[in-house]
Amino acid sequence: MELDDSIYARVTDVCDIAEQRIEAGDYASAIRAYQDAYALLPDPREQWEAATWILTGIGDAYWYLDNYESARDSLIQAIRCPGGLGNPFVHLRLGQVEFELGNEPRAVDELARAYMGGGAEIFQSEDPRYLRFLAEHIKMEN
């Protein structure tokens, strides 16, 4: 199902603002912009693919703020939206959040999903400790 063109345009405009704020390091403001974009989606919001990338953006911003519980909540919600389950970036970030929260079994599961979907490349711009952690728990290709 696709969003009405006018709604889609408004949502993407607000998300562009949120992404600019992320790039500027203004994560709290980015979260508010993403929340504004999410509020533009017709109910039930979780049915739209746009919800996936909006909730992922919220989770990512919370990640940068070290607010791991809120990041986890948003990312789990994103997984339940179209295209969320199996999205390597969503699983990567969720795995990192679970790692930081001390939930090692969940961290292994989510990081393995990220690795299976995105390969080692998805870890390239991340702290190497996450890939090392994963390598301690699963057999990885060299």
C-alpha atoms as a PDB file:
ATOM      1  CA  MET A   1       0.000   0.000   0.000  1.00  0.00           C
ATOM      2  CA  GLU A   2       1.322   3.437  -0.921  1.00  0.00           C
ATOM      3  CA  LEU A   3       0.847   6.755   0.801  1.00  0.00           C
ATOM      4  CA  ASP A   4      -1.065   9.543  -0.874  1.00  0.00           C
ATOM      5  CA  ASP A   5       1.431  11.681  -2.826  1.00  0.00           C
ATOM      6  CA  SER A   6       0.827  14.813  -0.755  1.00  0.00           C
ATOM      7  CA  ILE A   7       1.299  12.941   2.537  1.00  0.00           C
ATOM      8  CA  TYR A   8       4.391  11.207   1.190  1.00  0.00           C
ATOM      9  CA  ALA A   9       5.879  14.570   0.158  1.00  0.00           C
ATOM     10  CA  ARG A  10       5.233  16.073   3.596  1.00  0.00           C
ATOM     11  CA  VAL A  11       6.646  13.027   5.374  1.00  0.00           C
ATOM     12  CA  THR A  12       9.820  13.004   3.272  1.00  0.00           C
ATOM     13  CA  ASP A  13      10.296  16.753   3.747  1.00  0.00           C
ATOM     14  CA  VAL A  14      10.116  16.391   7.525  1.00  0.00           C
ATOM     15  CA  CYS A  15      12.406  13.345   7.427  1.00  0.00           C
ATOM     16  CA  ASP A  16      14.926  15.327   5.375  1.00  0.00           C
ATOM     17  CA  ILE A  17      14.955  17.915   8.161  1.00  0.00           C
ATOM     18  CA  ALA A  18      15.422  15.148  10.734  1.00  0.00           C
ATOM     19  CA  GLU A  19      18.349  13.699   8.770  1.00  0.00           C
ATOM     20  CA  GLN A  20      19.996  17.126   8.545  1.00  0.00           C
ATOM     21  CA  ARG A  21      19.672  17.424  12.304  1.00  0.00           C
ATOM     22  CA  ILE A  22      21.235  13.968  12.746  1.00  0.00           C
ATOM     23  CA  GLU A  23      24.168  15.025  10.563  1.00  0.00           C
ATOM     24  CA  ALA A  24      24.517  18.191  12.663  1.00  0.00           C
ATOM     25  CA  GLY A  25      24.552  16.132  15.861  1.00  0.00           C
ATOM     26  CA  ASP A  26      21.267  17.588  17.095  1.00  0.00           C
ATOM     27  CA  TYR A  27      19.755  14.220  17.956  1.00  0.00           C
ATOM     28  CA  ALA A  28      16.984  15.402  20.282  1.00  0.00           C
ATOM     29  CA  SER A  29      15.696  17.780  17.623  1.00  0.00           C
ATOM     30  CA  ALA A  30      15.961  15.014  15.024  1.00  0.00           C
ATOM     31  CA  ILE A  31      13.798  12.765  17.201  1.00  0.00           C
ATOM     32  CA  ARG A  32      11.142  15.455  17.432  1.00  0.00           C
ATOM     33  CA  ALA A  33      11.182  15.898  13.643  1.00  0.00           C
ATOM     34  CA  TYR A  34      10.895  12.148  13.078  1.00  0.00           C
ATOM     35  CA  GLN A  35       8.006  12.028  15.547  1.00  0.00           C
ATOM     36  CA  ASP A  36       6.324  14.824  13.591  1.00  0.00           C
ATOM     37  CA  ALA A  37       6.767  12.800  10.388  1.00  0.00           C
ATOM     38  CA  TYR A  38       5.369   9.690  12.074  1.00  0.00           C
ATOM     39  CA  ALA A  39       2.310  11.657  13.209  1.00  0.00           C
ATOM     40  CA  LEU A  40       1.587  12.498   9.561  1.00  0.00           C
ATOM     41  CA  LEU A  41       1.050   8.831   8.672  1.00  0.00           C
ATOM     42  CA  PRO A  42      -2.562   7.639   8.499  1.00  0.00           C
ATOM     43  CA  ASP A  43      -3.679   5.057  11.063  1.00  0.00           C
ATOM     44  CA  PRO A  44      -2.710   2.355  11.493  1.00  0.00           C
ATOM     45  CA  ARG A  45       0.740   3.899  11.123  1.00  0.00           C
ATOM     46  CA  GLU A  46       2.604   0.585  11.292  1.00  0.00           C
ATOM     47  CA  GLN A  47       1.154  -0.500   7.935  1.00  0.00           C
ATOM     48  CA  TRP A  48       3.255   2.003   5.974  1.00  0.00           C
ATOM     49  CA  GLU A  49       6.778   1.365   4.754  1.00  0.00           C
ATOM     50  CA  ALA A  50       7.545   4.974   5.711  1.00  0.00           C
ATOM     51  CA  ALA A  51       6.929   3.982   9.340  1.00  0.00           C
ATOM     52  CA  THR A  52       9.873   1.596   9.075  1.00  0.00           C
ATOM     53  CA  TRP A  53      12.399   4.249   8.128  1.00  0.00           C
ATOM     54  CA  ILE A  54      10.922   6.870  10.447  1.00  0.00           C
ATOM     55  CA  LEU A  55      11.058   4.546  13.469  1.00  0.00           C
ATOM     56  CA  THR A  56      14.538   3.439  12.458  1.00  0.00           C
ATOM     57  CA  GLY A  57      15.592   7.080  12.359  1.00  0.00           C
ATOM     58  CA  ILE A  58      14.151   7.627  15.825  1.00  0.00           C
ATOM     59  CA  GLY A  59      15.969   4.556  17.121  1.00  0.00           C
ATOM     60  CA  ASP A  60      19.209   5.688  15.495  1.00  0.00           C
ATOM     61  CA  ALA A  61      18.956   9.139  17.083  1.00  0.00           C
ATOM     62  CA  TYR A  62      18.289   7.609  20.486  1.00  0.00           C
ATOM     63  CA  TRP A  63      21.325   5.362  19.893  1.00  0.00           C
ATOM     64  CA  TYR A  64      23.524   8.409  19.420  1.00  0.00           C
ATOM     65  CA  LEU A  65      22.115   9.851  22.650  1.00  0.00           C
ATOM     66  CA  ASP A  66      23.029   6.607  24.475  1.00  0.00           C
ATOM     67  CA  ASN A  67      19.354   6.188  25.339  1.00  0.00           C
ATOM     68  CA  TYR A  68      19.395   2.478  24.615  1.00  0.00           C
ATOM     69  CA  GLU A  69      16.002   1.591  26.067  1.00  0.00           C
ATOM     70  CA  SER A  70      14.205   4.126  23.866  1.00  0.00           C
ATOM     71  CA  ALA A  71      16.325   3.094  20.898  1.00  0.00           C
ATOM     72  CA  ARG A  72      15.334  -0.533  21.436  1.00  0.00           C
ATOM     73  CA  ASP A  73      11.639   0.354  21.677  1.00  0.00           C
ATOM     74  CA  SER A  74      11.725   2.270  18.382  1.00  0.00           C
ATOM     75  CA  LEU A  75      13.777  -0.352  16.560  1.00  0.00           C
ATOM     76  CA  ILE A  76      11.534  -3.206  17.703  1.00  0.00           C
ATOM     77  CA  GLN A  77       8.584  -1.196  16.448  1.00  0.00           C
ATOM     78  CA  ALA A  78      10.403  -0.672  13.121  1.00  0.00           C
ATOM     79  CA  ILE A  79      10.935  -4.424  12.734  1.00  0.00           C
ATOM     80  CA  ARG A  80       7.170  -4.908  12.939  1.00  0.00           C
ATOM     81  CA  CYS A  81       6.589  -2.534  10.011  1.00  0.00           C
ATOM     82  CA  PRO A  82       6.853  -3.414   6.295  1.00  0.00           C
ATOM     83  CA  GLY A  83      10.442  -4.164   5.308  1.00  0.00           C
ATOM     84  CA  GLY A  84      11.715  -3.938   8.870  1.00  0.00           C
ATOM     85  CA  LEU A  85      12.267  -7.615   9.546  1.00  0.00           C
ATOM     86  CA  GLY A  86      15.385  -8.596   7.653  1.00  0.00           C
ATOM     87  CA  ASN A  87      16.628  -5.024   7.202  1.00  0.00           C
ATOM     88  CA  PRO A  88      20.355  -5.340   7.979  1.00  0.00           C
ATOM     89  CA  PHE A  89      20.709  -1.836   9.403  1.00  0.00           C
ATOM     90  CA  VAL A  90      17.749  -2.214  11.750  1.00  0.00           C
ATOM     91  CA  HIS A  91      19.150  -5.520  13.018  1.00  0.00           C
ATOM     92  CA  LEU A  92      22.638  -4.024  13.357  1.00  0.00           C
ATOM     93  CA  ARG A  93      21.475  -1.105  15.441  1.00  0.00           C
ATOM     94  CA  LEU A  94      19.150  -3.294  17.516  1.00  0.00           C
ATOM     95  CA  GLY A  95      22.002  -5.743  18.120  1.00  0.00           C
ATOM     96  CA  GLN A  96      24.252  -2.917  19.265  1.00  0.00           C
ATOM     97  CA  VAL A  97      21.534  -1.637  21.588  1.00  0.00           C
ATOM     98  CA  GLU A  98      20.993  -5.092  23.072  1.00  0.00           C
ATOM     99  CA  PHE A  99      24.773  -5.420  23.524  1.00  0.00           C
ATOM    100  CA  GLU A 100      24.917  -2.104  25.368  1.00  0.00           C
ATOM    101  CA  LEU A 101      21.998  -3.158  27.569  1.00  0.00           C
ATOM    102  CA  GLY A 102      23.820  -6.391  28.468  1.00  0.00           C
ATOM    103  CA  ASN A 103      21.360  -8.664  26.658  1.00  0.00           C
ATOM    104  CA  GLU A 104      24.014 -10.838  25.029  1.00  0.00           C
ATOM    105  CA  PRO A 105      21.773 -13.580  23.560  1.00  0.00           C
ATOM    106  CA  ARG A 106      19.564 -10.944  21.868  1.00  0.00           C
ATOM    107  CA  ALA A 107      22.660  -9.023  20.764  1.00  0.00           C
ATOM    108  CA  VAL A 108      24.105 -12.134  19.120  1.00  0.00           C
ATOM    109  CA  ASP A 109      20.801 -12.869  17.380  1.00  0.00           C
ATOM    110  CA  GLU A 110      20.348  -9.348  16.023  1.00  0.00           C
ATOM    111  CA  LEU A 111      23.993  -8.837  15.039  1.00  0.00           C
ATOM    112  CA  ALA A 112      23.944 -12.233  13.277  1.00  0.00           C
ATOM    113  CA  ARG A 113      20.872 -11.127  11.313  1.00  0.00           C
ATOM    114  CA  ALA A 114      22.699  -7.932  10.339  1.00  0.00           C
ATOM    115  CA  TYR A 115      25.752  -9.944   9.289  1.00  0.00           C
ATOM    116  CA  MET A 116      23.694 -12.427   7.270  1.00  0.00           C
ATOM    117  CA  GLY A 117      21.862  -9.619   5.476  1.00  0.00           C
ATOM    118  CA  GLY A 118      24.660  -7.097   5.060  1.00  0.00           C
ATOM    119  CA  GLY A 119      27.885  -9.030   5.462  1.00  0.00           C
ATOM    120  CA  ALA A 120      30.909  -7.710   7.306  1.00  0.00           C
ATOM    121  CA  GLU A 121      30.581  -4.486   5.307  1.00  0.00           C
ATOM    122  CA  ILE A 122      27.640  -3.328   7.415  1.00  0.00           C
ATOM    123  CA  PHE A 123      29.984  -3.241  10.408  1.00  0.00           C
ATOM    124  CA  GLN A 124      32.709  -1.201   8.661  1.00  0.00           C
ATOM    125  CA  SER A 125      31.756   2.214   9.998  1.00  0.00           C
ATOM    126  CA  GLU A 126      30.869   0.877  13.449  1.00  0.00           C
ATOM    127  CA  ASP A 127      32.998   0.277  16.516  1.00  0.00           C
ATOM    128  CA  PRO A 128      34.919  -2.974  15.786  1.00  0.00           C
ATOM    129  CA  ARG A 129      33.967  -4.433  19.152  1.00  0.00           C
ATOM    130  CA  TYR A 130      30.523  -5.399  17.820  1.00  0.00           C
ATOM    131  CA  LEU A 131      31.961  -7.516  15.017  1.00  0.00           C
ATOM    132  CA  ARG A 132      34.522  -9.024  17.412  1.00  0.00           C
ATOM    133  CA  PHE A 133      31.710  -9.849  19.836  1.00  0.00           C
ATOM    134  CA  LEU A 134      29.740 -11.518  17.060  1.00  0.00           C
ATOM    135  CA  ALA A 135      32.811 -13.485  15.915  1.00  0.00           C
ATOM    136  CA  GLU A 136      33.137 -14.881  19.451  1.00  0.00           C
ATOM    137  CA  HIS A 137      29.648 -16.347  19.171  1.00  0.00           C
ATOM    138  CA  ILE A 138      29.139 -17.505  15.586  1.00  0.00           C
ATOM    139  CA  LYS A 139      31.275 -18.958  12.838  1.00  0.00           C
ATOM    140  CA  MET A 140      31.935 -16.222  10.283  1.00  0.00           C
ATOM    141  CA  GLU A 141      33.339 -16.403   6.781  1.00  0.00           C
ATOM    142  CA  ASN A 142      36.775 -14.877   6.256  1.00  0.00           C
END
